């Protein structure tokens, strides 16, 4: 969700519908890093590969990806469809390019090209989507007459260091603050803030 902070108020702007947490955690699982906590290992694998499977049609929110792929379906009933399409796209590109797929998803062979390039491609998609979204958010604030150079980020996806670096260097925002408890533990921070200063 995007909010605009004015003084001590948080004003909802719009739900972003990015689905990046699902993308990253599912990609980590399929690479063989387990069903919980593999995202950090997946991020660590990305420099070993190259984004050979990157496709800009997948950049943006779930609705945008569906539109870019020419899929006409009920958005709410198809939340994971772009994710499944992305996974299939990467597998098809790898197979067509002659990658050895026998080690895909095998943690013992995780640095092999099929795994490493899948990780690098997913990381690239992740970063490009965040940058695209930051630019849209800045444009929205401008159109609302609330131009700002400040951006506060929270959520587990903000533990992604390479993406954060690109946001700091390439986004329209000069001052970026990432909540120290930016994963689900940050809910406690939000609850304490809410009890002291109600949102409107």
Foldseek 3Di string as FASTA:
>chain_A
DDWDDDDLATHDDDDFQACLVVLQQVLQQQQAQDNPDSSVVLLVLQVLEAQPQADCCLAGHQVSNCVSVVHDDDCVVCSCVSSVVLVVSLVVVCVVVPADCPNRNPPVCCSGHSNNNSSNNSVVSSLRNVQVVLQVVQVVCVVVVNHALEEEAAEPVVVNVVSVVCCCVPHSHPHYHYPPNRYPVCVVVVVVSCVVRPYD
